[in-house]
C-alpha atoms as a PDB file:
ATOM      1  CA  MET A   1     -20.253  11.444 -31.575  1.00  0.00           C
ATOM      2  CA  THR A   2     -20.852   9.886 -28.181  1.00  0.00           C
ATOM      3  CA  THR A   3     -18.077  10.415 -25.660  1.00  0.00           C
ATOM      4  CA  LEU A   4     -17.475   8.954 -22.224  1.00  0.00           C
ATOM      5  CA  ASN A   5     -18.313  12.310 -20.627  1.00  0.00           C
ATOM      6  CA  SER A   6     -21.727  12.390 -22.328  1.00  0.00           C
ATOM      7  CA  LEU A   7     -22.744   8.953 -21.086  1.00  0.00           C
ATOM      8  CA  SER A   8     -24.811   8.366 -17.990  1.00  0.00           C
ATOM      9  CA  PRO A   9     -23.134   6.464 -15.112  1.00  0.00           C
ATOM     10  CA  ALA A  10     -25.094   3.336 -16.015  1.00  0.00           C
ATOM     11  CA  GLN A  11     -24.126   3.611 -19.683  1.00  0.00           C
ATOM     12  CA  SER A  12     -20.442   4.299 -18.965  1.00  0.00           C
ATOM     13  CA  LEU A  13     -20.243   1.192 -16.765  1.00  0.00           C
ATOM     14  CA  ARG A  14     -21.890  -1.012 -19.386  1.00  0.00           C
ATOM     15  CA  GLY A  15     -19.398  -3.620 -20.445  1.00  0.00           C
ATOM     16  CA  PHE A  16     -17.020  -2.782 -17.598  1.00  0.00           C
ATOM     17  CA  GLN A  17     -15.872  -5.800 -15.624  1.00  0.00           C
ATOM     18  CA  ASP A  18     -14.171  -5.406 -12.270  1.00  0.00           C
ATOM     19  CA  ALA A  19     -10.880  -7.305 -11.964  1.00  0.00           C
ATOM     20  CA  ALA A  20     -10.744 -10.395  -9.800  1.00  0.00           C
ATOM     21  CA  ARG A  21      -9.000  -9.718  -6.495  1.00  0.00           C
ATOM     22  CA  ARG A  22      -6.213 -12.102  -5.502  1.00  0.00           C
ATOM     23  CA  GLN A  23      -5.266 -11.917  -1.824  1.00  0.00           C
ATOM     24  CA  GLU A  24      -3.096 -14.749  -0.477  1.00  0.00           C
ATOM     25  CA  SER A  25      -1.160 -13.069   2.313  1.00  0.00           C
ATOM     26  CA  LEU A  26      -0.317 -14.608   5.672  1.00  0.00           C
ATOM     27  CA  LEU A  27      -3.075 -12.726   7.498  1.00  0.00           C
ATOM     28  CA  ALA A  28      -5.627 -12.600   4.671  1.00  0.00           C
ATOM     29  CA  GLY A  29      -8.179 -14.913   6.283  1.00  0.00           C
ATOM     30  CA  SER A  30      -8.110 -13.301   9.718  1.00  0.00           C
ATOM     31  CA  GLU A  31      -8.034  -9.814   8.233  1.00  0.00           C
ATOM     32  CA  ARG A  32     -11.049 -10.517   6.023  1.00  0.00           C
ATOM     33  CA  LYS A  33     -13.103 -11.690   8.995  1.00  0.00           C
ATOM     34  CA  CYS A  34     -12.046  -8.676  11.057  1.00  0.00           C
ATOM     35  CA  LEU A  35     -12.878  -6.206   8.287  1.00  0.00           C
ATOM     36  CA  HIS A  36     -16.315  -7.715   7.701  1.00  0.00           C
ATOM     37  CA  TRP A  37     -16.995  -7.608  11.443  1.00  0.00           C
ATOM     38  CA  LEU A  38     -16.038  -3.925  11.541  1.00  0.00           C
ATOM     39  CA  ALA A  39     -17.978  -3.067   8.359  1.00  0.00           C
ATOM     40  CA  ARG A  40     -21.208  -4.529   9.699  1.00  0.00           C
ATOM     41  CA  ARG A  41     -20.896  -2.371  12.817  1.00  0.00           C
ATOM     42  CA  MET A  42     -19.948   0.936  11.228  1.00  0.00           C
ATOM     43  CA  PRO A  43     -22.438   3.799  11.782  1.00  0.00           C
ATOM     44  CA  ALA A  44     -24.692   4.479   8.817  1.00  0.00           C
ATOM     45  CA  TRP A  45     -23.323   8.006   8.376  1.00  0.00           C
ATOM     46  CA  VAL A  46     -19.791   6.676   7.747  1.00  0.00           C
ATOM     47  CA  ASN A  47     -19.108   5.850   4.101  1.00  0.00           C
ATOM     48  CA  SER A  48     -16.141   4.605   2.091  1.00  0.00           C
ATOM     49  CA  ASP A  49     -14.963   8.114   1.186  1.00  0.00           C
ATOM     50  CA  HIS A  50     -14.711   8.996   4.874  1.00  0.00           C
ATOM     51  CA  LEU A  51     -12.540   5.940   5.483  1.00  0.00           C
ATOM     52  CA  THR A  52     -10.329   6.664   2.478  1.00  0.00           C
ATOM     53  CA  ALA A  53      -9.794  10.222   3.730  1.00  0.00           C
ATOM     54  CA  LEU A  54      -9.013   8.914   7.218  1.00  0.00           C
ATOM     55  CA  GLY A  55      -6.428   6.490   5.839  1.00  0.00           C
ATOM     56  CA  PHE A  56      -4.793   9.230   3.776  1.00  0.00           C
ATOM     57  CA  ALA A  57      -4.684  11.664   6.699  1.00  0.00           C
ATOM     58  CA  ALA A  58      -3.121   8.947   8.863  1.00  0.00           C
ATOM     59  CA  MET A  59      -0.398   8.362   6.270  1.00  0.00           C
ATOM     60  CA  LEU A  60       0.379  12.094   6.188  1.00  0.00           C
ATOM     61  CA  LEU A  61       0.616  12.125   9.976  1.00  0.00           C
ATOM     62  CA  ALA A  62       2.857   9.049   9.921  1.00  0.00           C
ATOM     63  CA  GLY A  63       5.195  10.866   7.529  1.00  0.00           C
ATOM     64  CA  ALA A  64       5.149  13.942   9.771  1.00  0.00           C
ATOM     65  CA  SER A  65       5.906  11.740  12.793  1.00  0.00           C
ATOM     66  CA  TYR A  66       8.942  10.332  11.007  1.00  0.00           C
ATOM     67  CA  ALA A  67      10.179  13.803  10.133  1.00  0.00           C
ATOM     68  CA  LEU A  68       9.788  14.911  13.772  1.00  0.00           C
ATOM     69  CA  ALA A  69      11.479  11.757  15.091  1.00  0.00           C
ATOM     70  CA  GLY A  70      14.820  13.289  14.164  1.00  0.00           C
ATOM     71  CA  SER A  71      14.262  15.785  16.969  1.00  0.00           C
ATOM     72  CA  TRP A  72      12.458  13.500  19.437  1.00  0.00           C
ATOM     73  CA  SER A  73      12.716   9.724  18.959  1.00  0.00           C
ATOM     74  CA  PRO A  74       9.333   8.777  20.551  1.00  0.00           C
ATOM     75  CA  PHE A  75       7.702  10.119  17.394  1.00  0.00           C
ATOM     76  CA  LEU A  76       8.754   6.778  15.875  1.00  0.00           C
ATOM     77  CA  LEU A  77       6.176   5.156  18.151  1.00  0.00           C
ATOM     78  CA  ALA A  78       3.611   7.792  17.177  1.00  0.00           C
ATOM     79  CA  ALA A  79       4.131   6.660  13.575  1.00  0.00           C
ATOM     80  CA  ASN A  80       2.991   3.190  14.663  1.00  0.00           C
ATOM     81  CA  VAL A  81      -0.317   4.636  15.842  1.00  0.00           C
ATOM     82  CA  TRP A  82      -0.890   6.345  12.495  1.00  0.00           C
ATOM     83  CA  LEU A  83       0.031   3.178  10.598  1.00  0.00           C
ATOM     84  CA  ALA A  84      -2.711   1.376  12.533  1.00  0.00           C
ATOM     85  CA  VAL A  85      -5.203   4.142  11.718  1.00  0.00           C
ATOM     86  CA  ASN A  86      -4.129   3.976   8.075  1.00  0.00           C
ATOM     87  CA  TRP A  87      -4.808   0.233   8.025  1.00  0.00           C
ATOM     88  CA  PHE A  88      -8.274   0.860   9.462  1.00  0.00           C
ATOM     89  CA  GLY A  89      -9.231   3.450   6.848  1.00  0.00           C
ATOM     90  CA  ASP A  90      -7.395   2.049   3.825  1.00  0.00           C
ATOM     91  CA  SER A  91      -8.433  -1.572   4.332  1.00  0.00           C
ATOM     92  CA  LEU A  92     -12.007  -1.002   5.462  1.00  0.00           C
ATOM     93  CA  ASP A  93     -13.200   1.415   2.766  1.00  0.00           C
ATOM     94  CA  GLY A  94     -13.594  -1.226   0.058  1.00  0.00           C
ATOM     95  CA  THR A  95     -15.010  -3.813   2.447  1.00  0.00           C
ATOM     96  CA  LEU A  96     -17.636  -1.352   3.641  1.00  0.00           C
ATOM     97  CA  ALA A  97     -18.687  -0.650   0.052  1.00  0.00           C
ATOM     98  CA  ARG A  98     -19.006  -4.355  -0.695  1.00  0.00           C
ATOM     99  CA  VAL A  99     -20.928  -5.140   2.506  1.00  0.00           C
ATOM    100  CA  ARG A 100     -23.388  -2.320   1.755  1.00  0.00           C
ATOM    101  CA  ASN A 101     -23.481  -3.167  -1.967  1.00  0.00           C
ATOM    102  CA  ARG A 102     -22.400   0.344  -2.909  1.00  0.00           C
ATOM    103  CA  GLN A 103     -19.377  -0.479  -5.034  1.00  0.00           C
ATOM    104  CA  ARG A 104     -17.910   2.077  -7.384  1.00  0.00           C
ATOM    105  CA  PRO A 105     -15.206  -0.105  -8.959  1.00  0.00           C
ATOM    106  CA  ARG A 106     -13.550   2.384 -11.310  1.00  0.00           C
ATOM    107  CA  TYR A 107     -13.781   5.367  -8.957  1.00  0.00           C
ATOM    108  CA  GLY A 108     -12.679   3.300  -5.971  1.00  0.00           C
ATOM    109  CA  PHE A 109      -9.737   1.707  -7.777  1.00  0.00           C
ATOM    110  CA  TYR A 110      -8.472   5.027  -9.121  1.00  0.00           C
ATOM    111  CA  VAL A 111      -8.892   7.103  -5.964  1.00  0.00           C
ATOM    112  CA  ASP A 112      -7.651   4.418  -3.595  1.00  0.00           C
ATOM    113  CA  HIS A 113      -4.415   3.857  -5.464  1.00  0.00           C
ATOM    114  CA  MET A 114      -3.692   7.507  -6.134  1.00  0.00           C
ATOM    115  CA  VAL A 115      -4.135   8.076  -2.398  1.00  0.00           C
ATOM    116  CA  ASP A 116      -1.755   5.179  -1.727  1.00  0.00           C
ATOM    117  CA  SER A 117       0.846   6.690  -4.065  1.00  0.00           C
ATOM    118  CA  PHE A 118       0.745  10.114  -2.431  1.00  0.00           C
ATOM    119  CA  GLY A 119       0.723   8.473   0.993  1.00  0.00           C
ATOM    120  CA  ALA A 120       3.859   6.477   0.173  1.00  0.00           C
ATOM    121  CA  LEU A 121       5.549   9.661  -1.038  1.00  0.00           C
ATOM    122  CA  PHE A 122       4.861  11.459   2.250  1.00  0.00           C
ATOM    123  CA  LEU A 123       5.743   8.430   4.368  1.00  0.00           C
ATOM    124  CA  VAL A 124       9.114   7.734   2.767  1.00  0.00           C
ATOM    125  CA  SER A 125       9.956  11.452   2.551  1.00  0.00           C
ATOM    126  CA  GLY A 126       9.314  11.764   6.275  1.00  0.00           C
ATOM    127  CA  LEU A 127      11.571   8.798   6.952  1.00  0.00           C
ATOM    128  CA  ALA A 128      14.346  10.394   4.892  1.00  0.00           C
ATOM    129  CA  LEU A 129      13.934  13.713   6.731  1.00  0.00           C
ATOM    130  CA  SER A 130      14.136  11.948  10.082  1.00  0.00           C
ATOM    131  CA  GLY A 131      17.783  11.041   9.649  1.00  0.00           C
ATOM    132  CA  TYR A 132      17.008   7.423  10.493  1.00  0.00           C
ATOM    133  CA  MET A 133      17.342   6.509   6.802  1.00  0.00           C
ATOM    134  CA  SER A 134      19.704   7.812   4.126  1.00  0.00           C
ATOM    135  CA  GLY A 135      18.132   9.871   1.394  1.00  0.00           C
ATOM    136  CA  TRP A 136      19.349   7.576  -1.383  1.00  0.00           C
ATOM    137  CA  VAL A 137      17.865   4.486   0.296  1.00  0.00           C
ATOM    138  CA  ALA A 138      14.540   6.274   0.754  1.00  0.00           C
ATOM    139  CA  PHE A 139      14.574   7.432  -2.881  1.00  0.00           C
ATOM    140  CA  ALA A 140      15.359   3.914  -4.137  1.00  0.00           C
ATOM    141  CA  LEU A 141      12.553   2.452  -1.997  1.00  0.00           C
ATOM    142  CA  LEU A 142      10.078   4.960  -3.353  1.00  0.00           C
ATOM    143  CA  ILE A 143      11.051   4.239  -6.950  1.00  0.00           C
ATOM    144  CA  SER A 144      10.781   0.495  -6.297  1.00  0.00           C
ATOM    145  CA  PHE A 145       7.332   0.951  -4.767  1.00  0.00           C
ATOM    146  CA  PHE A 146       6.133   2.950  -7.768  1.00  0.00           C
ATOM    147  CA  LEU A 147       7.530   0.362 -10.204  1.00  0.00           C
ATOM    148  CA  LEU A 148       5.756  -2.444  -8.340  1.00  0.00           C
ATOM    149  CA  SER A 149       2.563  -0.395  -8.340  1.00  0.00           C
ATOM    150  CA  ILE A 150       2.793   0.269 -12.082  1.00  0.00           C
ATOM    151  CA  ASN A 151       3.361  -3.431 -12.715  1.00  0.00           C
ATOM    152  CA  THR A 152       0.334  -4.327 -10.587  1.00  0.00           C
ATOM    153  CA  TYR A 153      -1.964  -1.816 -12.275  1.00  0.00           C
ATOM    154  CA  LEU A 154      -0.882  -2.831 -15.792  1.00  0.00           C
ATOM    155  CA  ALA A 155      -1.381  -6.497 -14.919  1.00  0.00           C
ATOM    156  CA  THR A 156      -4.828  -5.676 -13.536  1.00  0.00           C
ATOM    157  CA  TYR A 157      -5.797  -4.053 -16.844  1.00  0.00           C
ATOM    158  CA  THR A 158      -4.262  -6.619 -19.174  1.00  0.00           C
ATOM    159  CA  LEU A 159      -4.804  -9.869 -17.230  1.00  0.00           C
ATOM    160  CA  GLY A 160      -7.979  -8.972 -15.318  1.00  0.00           C
ATOM    161  CA  THR A 161      -6.547  -9.968 -11.936  1.00  0.00           C
ATOM    162  CA  PHE A 162      -5.687  -7.506  -9.188  1.00  0.00           C
ATOM    163  CA  GLN A 163      -2.757  -8.970  -7.243  1.00  0.00           C
ATOM    164  CA  LEU A 164      -2.981  -7.748  -3.641  1.00  0.00           C
ATOM    165  CA  SER A 165      -0.118  -9.802  -2.233  1.00  0.00           C
ATOM    166  CA  PHE A 166       3.279 -11.132  -3.241  1.00  0.00           C
ATOM    167  CA  TRP A 167       5.034 -14.029  -1.526  1.00  0.00           C
ATOM    168  CA  LYS A 168       2.384 -14.086   1.217  1.00  0.00           C
ATOM    169  CA  PHE A 169       2.945 -10.388   1.972  1.00  0.00           C
ATOM    170  CA  SER A 170       0.403  -7.617   1.457  1.00  0.00           C
ATOM    171  CA  PRO A 171       0.297  -3.987   2.671  1.00  0.00           C
ATOM    172  CA  THR A 172      -1.035  -5.248   6.013  1.00  0.00           C
ATOM    173  CA  GLU A 173       2.016  -7.397   6.693  1.00  0.00           C
ATOM    174  CA  MET A 174       4.274  -4.574   5.506  1.00  0.00           C
ATOM    175  CA  ARG A 175       2.675  -2.173   7.986  1.00  0.00           C
ATOM    176  CA  ILE A 176       3.341  -4.667  10.783  1.00  0.00           C
ATOM    177  CA  LEU A 177       6.982  -5.052   9.731  1.00  0.00           C
ATOM    178  CA  LEU A 178       7.374  -1.283   9.523  1.00  0.00           C
ATOM    179  CA  ALA A 179       5.859  -0.801  12.972  1.00  0.00           C
ATOM    180  CA  ALA A 180       8.218  -3.447  14.379  1.00  0.00           C
ATOM    181  CA  GLY A 181      11.114  -1.654  12.686  1.00  0.00           C
ATOM    182  CA  ASN A 182      10.045   1.667  14.195  1.00  0.00           C
ATOM    183  CA  THR A 183      10.043   0.124  17.657  1.00  0.00           C
ATOM    184  CA  TYR A 184      13.450  -1.462  17.114  1.00  0.00           C
ATOM    185  CA  ALA A 185      14.941   1.778  15.738  1.00  0.00           C
ATOM    186  CA  TRP A 186      13.578   3.687  18.732  1.00  0.00           C
ATOM    187  CA  VAL A 187      15.572   1.384  21.038  1.00  0.00           C
ATOM    188  CA  ARG A 188      18.579   0.795  18.767  1.00  0.00           C
ATOM    189  CA  PRO A 189      18.874   3.124  15.752  1.00  0.00           C
ATOM    190  CA  THR A 190      22.110   1.530  14.497  1.00  0.00           C
ATOM    191  CA  VAL A 191      23.204  -2.067  13.929  1.00  0.00           C
ATOM    192  CA  ALA A 192      26.607  -3.722  13.488  1.00  0.00           C
ATOM    193  CA  VAL A 193      27.383  -4.603   9.879  1.00  0.00           C
ATOM    194  CA  PHE A 194      30.769  -5.970   8.799  1.00  0.00           C
ATOM    195  CA  GLY A 195      32.442  -4.570  11.869  1.00  0.00           C
ATOM    196  CA  GLY A 196      30.934  -1.090  11.557  1.00  0.00           C
ATOM    197  CA  GLN A 197      27.750   0.668  12.643  1.00  0.00           C
ATOM    198  CA  GLU A 198      25.047   1.405  10.100  1.00  0.00           C
ATOM    199  CA  ARG A 199      21.601   2.912  10.447  1.00  0.00           C
ATOM    200  CA  PHE A 200      19.044   0.208  11.101  1.00  0.00           C
ATOM    201  CA  PHE A 201      16.621   1.587   8.534  1.00  0.00           C
ATOM    202  CA  ASP A 202      19.368   1.713   5.894  1.00  0.00           C
ATOM    203  CA  VAL A 203      20.103  -1.985   6.390  1.00  0.00           C
ATOM    204  CA  ALA A 204      16.396  -2.876   6.493  1.00  0.00           C
ATOM    205  CA  GLY A 205      15.752  -0.654   3.473  1.00  0.00           C
ATOM    206  CA  ILE A 206      18.469  -2.338   1.381  1.00  0.00           C
ATOM    207  CA  ILE A 207      17.088  -5.781   2.268  1.00  0.00           C
ATOM    208  CA  GLY A 208      13.652  -4.516   1.285  1.00  0.00           C
ATOM    209  CA  LEU A 209      15.017  -3.191  -2.011  1.00  0.00           C
ATOM    210  CA  ILE A 210      16.528  -6.559  -2.883  1.00  0.00           C
ATOM    211  CA  CYS A 211      13.260  -8.344  -2.103  1.00  0.00           C
ATOM    212  CA  MET A 212      11.205  -5.831  -4.087  1.00  0.00           C
ATOM    213  CA  ALA A 213      13.556  -6.112  -7.069  1.00  0.00           C
ATOM    214  CA  VAL A 214      13.265  -9.913  -7.109  1.00  0.00           C
ATOM    215  CA  VAL A 215       9.465  -9.749  -6.785  1.00  0.00           C
ATOM    216  CA  LEU A 216       9.243  -7.177  -9.572  1.00  0.00           C
ATOM    217  CA  LEU A 217      11.460  -9.080 -12.003  1.00  0.00           C
ATOM    218  CA  LEU A 218       9.684 -12.386 -11.414  1.00  0.00           C
ATOM    219  CA  SER A 219       6.268 -10.761 -11.724  1.00  0.00           C
ATOM    220  CA  VAL A 220       7.192  -8.960 -14.950  1.00  0.00           C
ATOM    221  CA  ALA A 221       8.570 -12.186 -16.431  1.00  0.00           C
ATOM    222  CA  ARG A 222       5.445 -14.156 -15.431  1.00  0.00           C
ATOM    223  CA  ASN A 223       3.037 -11.520 -16.726  1.00  0.00           C
ATOM    224  CA  THR A 224       4.944 -11.088 -19.993  1.00  0.00           C
ATOM    225  CA  LEU A 225       4.912 -14.825 -20.679  1.00  0.00           C
ATOM    226  CA  ALA A 226       1.219 -15.076 -19.799  1.00  0.00           C
ATOM    227  CA  LEU A 227       0.322 -12.246 -22.165  1.00  0.00           C
ATOM    228  CA  TYR A 228       2.565 -13.622 -24.905  1.00  0.00           C
ATOM    229  CA  TRP A 229       0.875 -17.031 -24.869  1.00  0.00           C
ATOM    230  CA  MET A 230      -2.585 -15.442 -24.619  1.00  0.00           C
ATOM    231  CA  GLU A 231      -2.027 -13.434 -27.796  1.00  0.00           C
ATOM    232  CA  LYS A 232       0.411 -15.639 -29.679  1.00  0.00           C
ATOM    233  CA  PHE A 233      -0.472 -15.870 -33.367  1.00  0.00           C
END
């Protein structure tokens, strides 16, 4: 019996079709041009794995910066630096592979999104440890992120389209919003809500949770209907 492990790389990829990428975020056009410009100028010794590792390390350092911000608030600004480095590594790795025609679609998809999942875990855990966000808000955000990720990956497999953005927002725009939030929280960690003072990141996190819940429910409904009509007897 022939198994996947006994097949050569060429044989195991036979019949495999990479999902179409759908990127419609606010900055998609400008970001694409920037990434291609960077990819064409990267040294030959730098490959996609190096960039993926750099992005992951930056996310770990961003989480550590959050955790340390509870003791010294300027670490919130240090987190902004690591978010920028994470964008560089995480966004450029796939572009570099495509520009050099060295795509590894299954390996790249799997590794990239497992790295993203662990990175999100460290990032949100660091934010919870900082004291700038309540633990329950951080936990709810993490669960929401994982549910959105699961929905995206299942839709990629069943519908053949990899949705990179929702409502004109992609990870790039979310990094920018998070960096702006870090800067605001550094200056003003609490905000007035209904006559009281609440942590800025708690308020922002709850707004984010509501938005993520709406996006998730609408996406699940749309995907379910699409699959139903595709396979209706």
